[in-house]
Amino acid sequence: MTKPYVKPMSFVGVAAVALTATGCSTYEDGPSSSLISKDNRLCREWQIDEYNGQSSSAYDTSLEFQKDGDFKLKSTYYGYTYTYSYSWMWKDDKSGVYITSNSDTLLSFDINRLTTDELWFTDMDNNDIKCIAID
């Protein structure tokens, strides 16, 4: 025999799970949820694809986040490649990262989208940058 309060309680439980799963994105452009940790999504090599809505094909720049906190910025201009090594760390709420050198913050940015294939962020000067993962 089913108790009269079991069905309403079941509905409330399902509704609560559905609302929680769809409403807890850290990033403005998603994803709304992911089974892959933020560290595992961020820690890879990224190619800058767009800078303020413009294709970045005029220059070749990549960013590499490593799990040990190392960060590399690599740029190629006129056939010469320059590599810069820094450190990175999450902001307290993991909404963005700090790029540091000798404990000084060089760059801070807010992440708008973070998947295993896409990294979109806004830097301290309000530049919108979209990156794609390098395989």
N, C-alpha and C. Protein backbone atom coordinates (compact mmCIF):
# COMPACT_ATOMS: atom_id res chain seq x y z
N MET A 1 0.83 -1.17 0.00
CA MET A 1 0.00 0.00 0.00
C MET A 1 0.88 1.25 0.00
N THR A 2 0.62 2.19 -0.92
CA THR A 2 1.39 3.42 -1.05
C THR A 2 0.84 4.48 -0.11
N LYS A 3 1.74 5.12 0.57
CA LYS A 3 1.31 6.19 1.48
C LYS A 3 1.01 7.43 0.65
N PRO A 4 0.03 8.25 1.01
CA PRO A 4 -0.39 9.38 0.21
C PRO A 4 0.68 10.46 0.02
N TYR A 5 1.68 10.55 0.89
CA TYR A 5 2.68 11.60 0.75
C TYR A 5 3.89 11.15 -0.06
N VAL A 6 3.99 9.90 -0.48
CA VAL A 6 5.15 9.39 -1.21
C VAL A 6 5.25 10.01 -2.60
N LYS A 7 4.16 10.07 -3.37
CA LYS A 7 4.21 10.63 -4.72
C LYS A 7 4.59 12.11 -4.73
N PRO A 8 3.99 12.97 -3.90
CA PRO A 8 4.43 14.37 -3.91
C PRO A 8 5.90 14.52 -3.50
N MET A 9 6.37 13.75 -2.55
CA MET A 9 7.76 13.84 -2.11
C MET A 9 8.71 13.39 -3.22
N SER A 10 8.31 12.35 -3.98
CA SER A 10 9.13 11.88 -5.10
C SER A 10 9.24 12.96 -6.15
N PHE A 11 8.14 13.64 -6.46
CA PHE A 11 8.14 14.71 -7.45
C PHE A 11 9.04 15.86 -7.00
N VAL A 12 8.96 16.23 -5.73
CA VAL A 12 9.79 17.31 -5.19
C VAL A 12 11.27 16.94 -5.30
N GLY A 13 11.61 15.70 -5.01
CA GLY A 13 13.00 15.25 -5.10
C GLY A 13 13.53 15.31 -6.52
N VAL A 14 12.76 14.84 -7.49
CA VAL A 14 13.17 14.86 -8.89
C VAL A 14 13.30 16.30 -9.37
N ALA A 15 12.35 17.16 -9.01
CA ALA A 15 12.41 18.56 -9.41
C ALA A 15 13.64 19.25 -8.84
N ALA A 16 13.98 18.98 -7.60
CA ALA A 16 15.15 19.59 -6.97
C ALA A 16 16.44 19.18 -7.67
N VAL A 17 16.56 17.92 -8.02
CA VAL A 17 17.75 17.43 -8.74
C VAL A 17 17.83 18.08 -10.11
N ALA A 18 16.72 18.17 -10.81
CA ALA A 18 16.71 18.77 -12.16
C ALA A 18 17.11 20.24 -12.10
N LEU A 19 16.60 20.99 -11.15
CA LEU A 19 16.95 22.40 -11.03
C LEU A 19 18.40 22.59 -10.63
N THR A 20 18.91 21.75 -9.77
CA THR A 20 20.30 21.84 -9.36
C THR A 20 21.23 21.54 -10.52
N ALA A 21 20.93 20.54 -11.32
CA ALA A 21 21.79 20.14 -12.43
C ALA A 21 21.84 21.20 -13.51
N THR A 22 20.77 21.96 -13.71
CA THR A 22 20.76 22.94 -14.79
C THR A 22 21.14 24.33 -14.35
N GLY A 23 21.22 24.59 -13.07
CA GLY A 23 21.43 25.95 -12.62
C GLY A 23 22.72 26.23 -11.91
N CYS A 24 23.76 25.42 -12.07
CA CYS A 24 24.95 25.63 -11.26
C CYS A 24 26.21 25.79 -12.10
N SER A 25 26.18 26.67 -13.10
CA SER A 25 27.34 26.92 -13.91
C SER A 25 28.18 28.04 -13.30
N THR A 26 29.48 27.84 -13.23
CA THR A 26 30.38 28.88 -12.77
C THR A 26 30.60 29.91 -13.86
N TYR A 27 30.50 29.48 -15.12
CA TYR A 27 30.88 30.31 -16.25
C TYR A 27 29.66 30.79 -17.03
N GLU A 28 29.71 32.06 -17.41
CA GLU A 28 28.60 32.72 -18.09
C GLU A 28 28.12 31.95 -19.32
N ASP A 29 29.04 31.46 -20.15
CA ASP A 29 28.68 30.77 -21.38
C ASP A 29 28.77 29.25 -21.28
N GLY A 30 28.85 28.74 -20.07
CA GLY A 30 28.75 27.30 -19.86
C GLY A 30 30.08 26.59 -19.77
N PRO A 31 29.98 25.30 -19.71
CA PRO A 31 28.76 24.49 -19.71
C PRO A 31 28.04 24.58 -18.37
N SER A 32 26.75 24.20 -18.38
CA SER A 32 25.97 24.29 -17.15
C SER A 32 26.42 23.27 -16.12
N SER A 33 26.95 22.15 -16.58
CA SER A 33 27.53 21.16 -15.67
C SER A 33 28.49 20.29 -16.47
N SER A 34 29.40 19.64 -15.77
CA SER A 34 30.38 18.78 -16.43
C SER A 34 30.84 17.71 -15.45
N LEU A 35 31.08 16.53 -15.96
CA LEU A 35 31.64 15.46 -15.14
C LEU A 35 33.16 15.54 -15.09
N ILE A 36 33.74 16.41 -15.92
CA ILE A 36 35.19 16.59 -15.97
C ILE A 36 35.55 17.79 -15.10
N SER A 37 36.51 17.64 -14.22
CA SER A 37 36.87 18.71 -13.29
C SER A 37 37.40 19.93 -14.04
N LYS A 38 37.33 21.07 -13.39
CA LYS A 38 37.83 22.31 -13.98
C LYS A 38 39.33 22.20 -14.28
N ASP A 39 40.09 21.58 -13.37
CA ASP A 39 41.53 21.39 -13.60
C ASP A 39 41.77 20.58 -14.87
N ASN A 40 41.03 19.49 -15.03
CA ASN A 40 41.23 18.64 -16.21
C ASN A 40 40.78 19.32 -17.50
N ARG A 41 39.81 20.23 -17.41
CA ARG A 41 39.41 20.96 -18.61
C ARG A 41 40.41 22.05 -18.96
N LEU A 42 40.97 22.73 -17.96
CA LEU A 42 41.88 23.85 -18.21
C LEU A 42 43.29 23.40 -18.56
N CYS A 43 43.78 22.36 -17.90
CA CYS A 43 45.19 21.97 -18.03
C CYS A 43 45.44 21.24 -19.35
N ARG A 44 45.83 22.02 -20.32
CA ARG A 44 46.15 21.55 -21.67
C ARG A 44 46.74 22.73 -22.42
N GLU A 45 47.04 22.54 -23.69
CA GLU A 45 47.55 23.63 -24.52
C GLU A 45 46.41 24.21 -25.35
N TRP A 46 46.35 25.55 -25.40
CA TRP A 46 45.28 26.27 -26.07
C TRP A 46 45.86 27.19 -27.14
N GLN A 47 45.22 27.25 -28.27
CA GLN A 47 45.59 28.17 -29.36
C GLN A 47 44.60 29.32 -29.35
N ILE A 48 45.09 30.58 -29.34
CA ILE A 48 44.18 31.72 -29.42
C ILE A 48 43.58 31.74 -30.82
N ASP A 49 42.25 31.72 -30.86
CA ASP A 49 41.51 31.66 -32.12
C ASP A 49 40.87 33.00 -32.49
N GLU A 50 40.38 33.73 -31.48
CA GLU A 50 39.76 35.03 -31.69
C GLU A 50 40.19 36.00 -30.61
N TYR A 51 40.39 37.23 -31.03
CA TYR A 51 40.73 38.31 -30.10
C TYR A 51 39.77 39.45 -30.37
N ASN A 52 38.87 39.74 -29.43
CA ASN A 52 37.83 40.76 -29.60
C ASN A 52 37.03 40.56 -30.88
N GLY A 53 36.66 39.31 -31.15
CA GLY A 53 35.82 39.00 -32.30
C GLY A 53 36.55 38.91 -33.62
N GLN A 54 37.84 39.17 -33.64
CA GLN A 54 38.63 39.12 -34.86
C GLN A 54 39.48 37.86 -34.89
N SER A 55 39.61 37.26 -36.05
CA SER A 55 40.46 36.08 -36.19
C SER A 55 41.89 36.43 -35.80
N SER A 56 42.55 35.52 -35.14
CA SER A 56 43.93 35.77 -34.72
C SER A 56 44.93 35.10 -35.64
N SER A 57 44.55 34.90 -36.90
CA SER A 57 45.44 34.20 -37.84
C SER A 57 46.68 35.02 -38.17
N ALA A 58 46.69 36.30 -37.86
CA ALA A 58 47.85 37.14 -38.15
C ALA A 58 49.04 36.81 -37.25
N TYR A 59 48.77 36.23 -36.11
CA TYR A 59 49.85 35.84 -35.20
C TYR A 59 49.52 34.48 -34.60
N ASP A 60 50.54 33.80 -34.16
CA ASP A 60 50.39 32.44 -33.64
C ASP A 60 50.76 32.46 -32.16
N THR A 61 49.75 32.37 -31.29
CA THR A 61 49.99 32.42 -29.85
C THR A 61 49.27 31.27 -29.18
N SER A 62 49.97 30.58 -28.29
CA SER A 62 49.35 29.50 -27.53
C SER A 62 49.62 29.69 -26.05
N LEU A 63 48.71 29.14 -25.25
CA LEU A 63 48.80 29.15 -23.79
C LEU A 63 48.80 27.72 -23.32
N GLU A 64 49.64 27.40 -22.35
CA GLU A 64 49.64 26.05 -21.80
C GLU A 64 49.56 26.10 -20.28
N PHE A 65 48.49 25.52 -19.75
CA PHE A 65 48.30 25.39 -18.31
C PHE A 65 48.68 23.97 -17.92
N GLN A 66 49.57 23.85 -16.95
CA GLN A 66 49.98 22.53 -16.48
C GLN A 66 49.44 22.30 -15.06
N LYS A 67 49.17 21.06 -14.74
CA LYS A 67 48.58 20.73 -13.44
C LYS A 67 49.45 21.10 -12.26
N ASP A 68 50.76 21.20 -12.45
CA ASP A 68 51.65 21.55 -11.35
C ASP A 68 51.72 23.06 -11.10
N GLY A 69 50.91 23.85 -11.85
CA GLY A 69 50.87 25.29 -11.67
C GLY A 69 51.75 26.07 -12.63
N ASP A 70 52.47 25.37 -13.51
CA ASP A 70 53.29 26.06 -14.51
C ASP A 70 52.40 26.55 -15.65
N PHE A 71 52.78 27.68 -16.24
CA PHE A 71 52.06 28.28 -17.35
C PHE A 71 53.08 28.72 -18.39
N LYS A 72 52.81 28.41 -19.65
CA LYS A 72 53.70 28.82 -20.73
C LYS A 72 52.90 29.61 -21.76
N LEU A 73 53.49 30.70 -22.20
CA LEU A 73 52.94 31.53 -23.27
C LEU A 73 53.92 31.44 -24.42
N LYS A 74 53.44 31.00 -25.58
CA LYS A 74 54.31 30.81 -26.73
C LYS A 74 53.76 31.63 -27.89
N SER A 75 54.60 32.49 -28.47
CA SER A 75 54.20 33.33 -29.61
C SER A 75 55.22 33.19 -30.72
N THR A 76 54.72 33.17 -31.94
CA THR A 76 55.59 33.10 -33.12
C THR A 76 55.33 34.34 -33.98
N TYR A 77 56.38 35.09 -34.23
CA TYR A 77 56.32 36.28 -35.08
C TYR A 77 57.41 36.17 -36.12
N TYR A 78 57.04 36.32 -37.38
CA TYR A 78 58.00 36.33 -38.48
C TYR A 78 59.01 35.18 -38.41
N GLY A 79 58.52 34.01 -38.05
CA GLY A 79 59.37 32.82 -38.02
C GLY A 79 60.13 32.59 -36.73
N TYR A 80 60.08 33.52 -35.80
CA TYR A 80 60.77 33.37 -34.52
C TYR A 80 59.75 33.03 -33.44
N THR A 81 60.07 32.03 -32.63
CA THR A 81 59.17 31.62 -31.55
C THR A 81 59.75 32.05 -30.21
N TYR A 82 58.91 32.70 -29.43
CA TYR A 82 59.28 33.16 -28.10
C TYR A 82 58.42 32.42 -27.08
N THR A 83 59.06 31.87 -26.06
CA THR A 83 58.34 31.16 -25.01
C THR A 83 58.63 31.81 -23.67
N TYR A 84 57.56 32.09 -22.93
CA TYR A 84 57.66 32.72 -21.62
C TYR A 84 57.06 31.76 -20.59
N SER A 85 57.73 31.61 -19.46
CA SER A 85 57.28 30.69 -18.42
C SER A 85 56.86 31.48 -17.18
N TYR A 86 55.67 31.15 -16.69
CA TYR A 86 55.11 31.80 -15.51
C TYR A 86 54.44 30.73 -14.65
N SER A 87 53.65 31.17 -13.69
CA SER A 87 52.84 30.27 -12.87
C SER A 87 51.39 30.71 -12.99
N TRP A 88 50.48 29.78 -12.69
CA TRP A 88 49.06 30.12 -12.68
C TRP A 88 48.41 29.56 -11.44
N MET A 89 47.30 30.18 -11.04
CA MET A 89 46.51 29.65 -9.94
C MET A 89 45.07 30.13 -10.12
N TRP A 90 44.15 29.33 -9.59
CA TRP A 90 42.73 29.67 -9.67
C TRP A 90 42.43 30.87 -8.79
N LYS A 91 41.44 31.66 -9.19
CA LYS A 91 40.83 32.62 -8.26
C LYS A 91 40.08 31.79 -7.22
N ASP A 92 39.75 32.37 -6.09
CA ASP A 92 39.15 31.62 -4.98
C ASP A 92 37.93 30.81 -5.39
N ASP A 93 37.07 31.35 -6.24
CA ASP A 93 35.84 30.64 -6.63
C ASP A 93 35.97 29.90 -7.96
N LYS A 94 37.19 29.81 -8.49
CA LYS A 94 37.49 29.15 -9.76
C LYS A 94 36.74 29.76 -10.94
N SER A 95 36.40 31.05 -10.82
CA SER A 95 35.75 31.75 -11.92
C SER A 95 36.77 32.30 -12.91
N GLY A 96 38.03 32.21 -12.57
CA GLY A 96 39.09 32.72 -13.42
C GLY A 96 40.45 32.32 -12.86
N VAL A 97 41.51 32.86 -13.47
CA VAL A 97 42.86 32.52 -13.03
C VAL A 97 43.73 33.76 -12.92
N TYR A 98 44.80 33.61 -12.16
CA TYR A 98 45.86 34.61 -12.07
C TYR A 98 47.10 34.01 -12.73
N ILE A 99 47.79 34.81 -13.51
CA ILE A 99 49.10 34.44 -14.06
C ILE A 99 50.11 35.25 -13.27
N THR A 100 51.08 34.57 -12.67
CA THR A 100 52.02 35.24 -11.78
C THR A 100 53.47 34.97 -12.17
N SER A 101 54.34 35.88 -11.75
CA SER A 101 55.78 35.72 -11.88
C SER A 101 56.41 36.25 -10.60
N ASN A 102 57.18 35.43 -9.93
CA ASN A 102 57.81 35.84 -8.67
C ASN A 102 56.80 36.43 -7.70
N SER A 103 55.64 35.79 -7.58
CA SER A 103 54.56 36.18 -6.66
C SER A 103 53.84 37.46 -7.06
N ASP A 104 54.19 38.08 -8.17
CA ASP A 104 53.49 39.26 -8.66
C ASP A 104 52.47 38.84 -9.70
N THR A 105 51.25 39.36 -9.59
CA THR A 105 50.22 39.04 -10.58
C THR A 105 50.46 39.86 -11.83
N LEU A 106 50.66 39.16 -12.94
CA LEU A 106 50.88 39.82 -14.22
C LEU A 106 49.58 39.98 -15.00
N LEU A 107 48.70 38.99 -14.83
CA LEU A 107 47.48 38.95 -15.60
C LEU A 107 46.41 38.25 -14.79
N SER A 108 45.21 38.77 -14.90
CA SER A 108 44.06 38.14 -14.25
C SER A 108 42.98 38.08 -15.30
N PHE A 109 42.30 36.95 -15.39
CA PHE A 109 41.18 36.91 -16.32
C PHE A 109 40.03 36.08 -15.78
N ASP A 110 38.84 36.44 -16.26
CA ASP A 110 37.61 35.76 -15.89
C ASP A 110 37.21 34.83 -17.01
N ILE A 111 36.96 33.58 -16.67
CA ILE A 111 36.58 32.58 -17.67
C ILE A 111 35.09 32.71 -17.95
N ASN A 112 34.74 32.74 -19.24
CA ASN A 112 33.35 32.79 -19.67
C ASN A 112 32.84 31.42 -20.11
N ARG A 113 33.73 30.59 -20.64
CA ARG A 113 33.38 29.25 -21.08
C ARG A 113 34.60 28.36 -20.94
N LEU A 114 34.40 27.15 -20.40
CA LEU A 114 35.50 26.21 -20.24
C LEU A 114 34.99 24.80 -20.49
N THR A 115 35.36 24.25 -21.65
CA THR A 115 35.09 22.86 -21.97
C THR A 115 36.43 22.22 -22.30
N THR A 116 36.44 20.97 -22.69
CA THR A 116 37.70 20.34 -23.06
C THR A 116 38.20 20.85 -24.42
N ASP A 117 37.33 21.51 -25.19
CA ASP A 117 37.69 22.02 -26.52
C ASP A 117 37.76 23.53 -26.62
N GLU A 118 37.11 24.25 -25.69
CA GLU A 118 37.03 25.70 -25.79
C GLU A 118 37.33 26.37 -24.46
N LEU A 119 38.09 27.47 -24.54
CA LEU A 119 38.37 28.33 -23.41
C LEU A 119 38.10 29.75 -23.87
N TRP A 120 37.09 30.40 -23.28
CA TRP A 120 36.78 31.79 -23.58
C TRP A 120 37.01 32.58 -22.31
N PHE A 121 37.68 33.71 -22.41
CA PHE A 121 37.90 34.52 -21.22
C PHE A 121 37.98 36.00 -21.55
N THR A 122 37.83 36.81 -20.51
CA THR A 122 37.96 38.26 -20.61
C THR A 122 39.12 38.66 -19.72
N ASP A 123 40.09 39.40 -20.30
CA ASP A 123 41.27 39.77 -19.51
C ASP A 123 41.02 41.06 -18.73
N MET A 124 42.05 41.55 -18.05
CA MET A 124 41.93 42.72 -17.18
C MET A 124 41.57 43.98 -17.95
N ASP A 125 41.87 44.02 -19.24
CA ASP A 125 41.58 45.18 -20.08
C ASP A 125 40.28 45.02 -20.86
N ASN A 126 39.45 44.04 -20.44
CA ASN A 126 38.15 43.74 -21.08
C ASN A 126 38.27 43.26 -22.52
N ASN A 127 39.37 42.63 -22.86
CA ASN A 127 39.51 41.99 -24.17
C ASN A 127 38.89 40.60 -24.08
N ASP A 128 38.07 40.27 -25.07
CA ASP A 128 37.46 38.94 -25.13
C ASP A 128 38.32 38.04 -26.00
N ILE A 129 38.75 36.92 -25.42
CA ILE A 129 39.67 36.01 -26.10
C ILE A 129 39.06 34.63 -26.12
N LYS A 130 39.06 34.01 -27.30
CA LYS A 130 38.54 32.66 -27.46
C LYS A 130 39.68 31.77 -27.93
N CYS A 131 39.81 30.63 -27.24
CA CYS A 131 40.87 29.68 -27.55
C CYS A 131 40.25 28.32 -27.88
N ILE A 132 40.99 27.57 -28.68
CA ILE A 132 40.61 26.19 -28.97
C ILE A 132 41.73 25.28 -28.50
N ALA A 133 41.37 24.08 -28.08
CA ALA A 133 42.37 23.13 -27.58
C ALA A 133 43.22 22.62 -28.72
N ILE A 134 44.50 22.45 -28.43
CA ILE A 134 45.43 21.86 -29.39
C ILE A 134 45.55 20.39 -29.05
N ASP A 135 45.34 19.54 -30.01
CA ASP A 135 45.40 18.08 -29.76
C ASP A 135 46.82 17.61 -29.59
